[in-house]
Amino acid sequence: MKNNNFWDSIAEYIKIKHFIALILFVIVLLILSLKKLLQYFT
């Protein structure tokens, strides 16, 4: 039982890490696109 819980918690941790990484990736893309837009306007 403990082993299953251990692996389940690792799976949850990986999911959370991937979710956070995805959010960070989207934020970086937004910042880069905003910088490009600012370059067009200036």
C-alpha atoms as a PDB file:
ATOM      1  CA  MET A   1       0.000   0.000   0.000  1.00  0.00           C
ATOM      2  CA  LYS A   2       2.761   2.439   0.927  1.00  0.00           C
ATOM      3  CA  ASN A   3       4.514   1.721  -2.359  1.00  0.00           C
ATOM      4  CA  ASN A   4       1.373   2.557  -4.354  1.00  0.00           C
ATOM      5  CA  ASN A   5       0.909   5.793  -2.432  1.00  0.00           C
ATOM      6  CA  PHE A   6       4.548   6.663  -3.078  1.00  0.00           C
ATOM      7  CA  TRP A   7       4.205   6.200  -6.833  1.00  0.00           C
ATOM      8  CA  ASP A   8       0.852   8.008  -6.870  1.00  0.00           C
ATOM      9  CA  SER A   9       2.378  11.000  -5.107  1.00  0.00           C
ATOM     10  CA  ILE A  10       5.268  11.018  -7.614  1.00  0.00           C
ATOM     11  CA  ALA A  11       2.768  10.926 -10.489  1.00  0.00           C
ATOM     12  CA  GLU A  12       0.831  13.828  -8.947  1.00  0.00           C
ATOM     13  CA  TYR A  13       4.086  15.766  -8.414  1.00  0.00           C
ATOM     14  CA  ILE A  14       5.112  15.232 -12.044  1.00  0.00           C
ATOM     15  CA  LYS A  15       1.657  16.355 -13.225  1.00  0.00           C
ATOM     16  CA  ILE A  16       1.927  19.520 -11.128  1.00  0.00           C
ATOM     17  CA  LYS A  17       5.473  20.158 -12.386  1.00  0.00           C
ATOM     18  CA  HIS A  18       4.336  19.738 -16.000  1.00  0.00           C
ATOM     19  CA  PHE A  19       1.362  22.033 -15.374  1.00  0.00           C
ATOM     20  CA  ILE A  20       3.609  24.728 -13.877  1.00  0.00           C
ATOM     21  CA  ALA A  21       6.124  24.324 -16.716  1.00  0.00           C
ATOM     22  CA  LEU A  22       3.303  24.703 -19.246  1.00  0.00           C
ATOM     23  CA  ILE A  23       2.060  27.892 -17.556  1.00  0.00           C
ATOM     24  CA  LEU A  24       5.601  29.315 -17.486  1.00  0.00           C
ATOM     25  CA  PHE A  25       6.023  28.433 -21.171  1.00  0.00           C
ATOM     26  CA  VAL A  26       2.788  30.259 -22.048  1.00  0.00           C
ATOM     27  CA  ILE A  27       3.857  33.305 -20.003  1.00  0.00           C
ATOM     28  CA  VAL A  28       7.233  33.397 -21.782  1.00  0.00           C
ATOM     29  CA  LEU A  29       5.492  33.163 -25.169  1.00  0.00           C
ATOM     30  CA  LEU A  30       3.168  36.024 -24.203  1.00  0.00           C
ATOM     31  CA  ILE A  31       6.104  38.186 -23.092  1.00  0.00           C
ATOM     32  CA  LEU A  32       8.009  37.461 -26.314  1.00  0.00           C
ATOM     33  CA  SER A  33       4.984  38.296 -28.472  1.00  0.00           C
ATOM     34  CA  LEU A  34       4.420  41.505 -26.492  1.00  0.00           C
ATOM     35  CA  LYS A  35       8.056  42.491 -27.056  1.00  0.00           C
ATOM     36  CA  LYS A  36       7.623  41.898 -30.799  1.00  0.00           C
ATOM     37  CA  LEU A  37       4.461  44.022 -30.804  1.00  0.00           C
ATOM     38  CA  LEU A  38       6.294  46.809 -28.972  1.00  0.00           C
ATOM     39  CA  GLN A  39       9.092  46.660 -31.555  1.00  0.00           C
ATOM     40  CA  TYR A  40       6.521  47.110 -34.338  1.00  0.00           C
ATOM     41  CA  PHE A  41       4.998  50.153 -32.630  1.00  0.00           C
ATOM     42  CA  THR A  42       8.300  51.895 -31.839  1.00  0.00           C
END
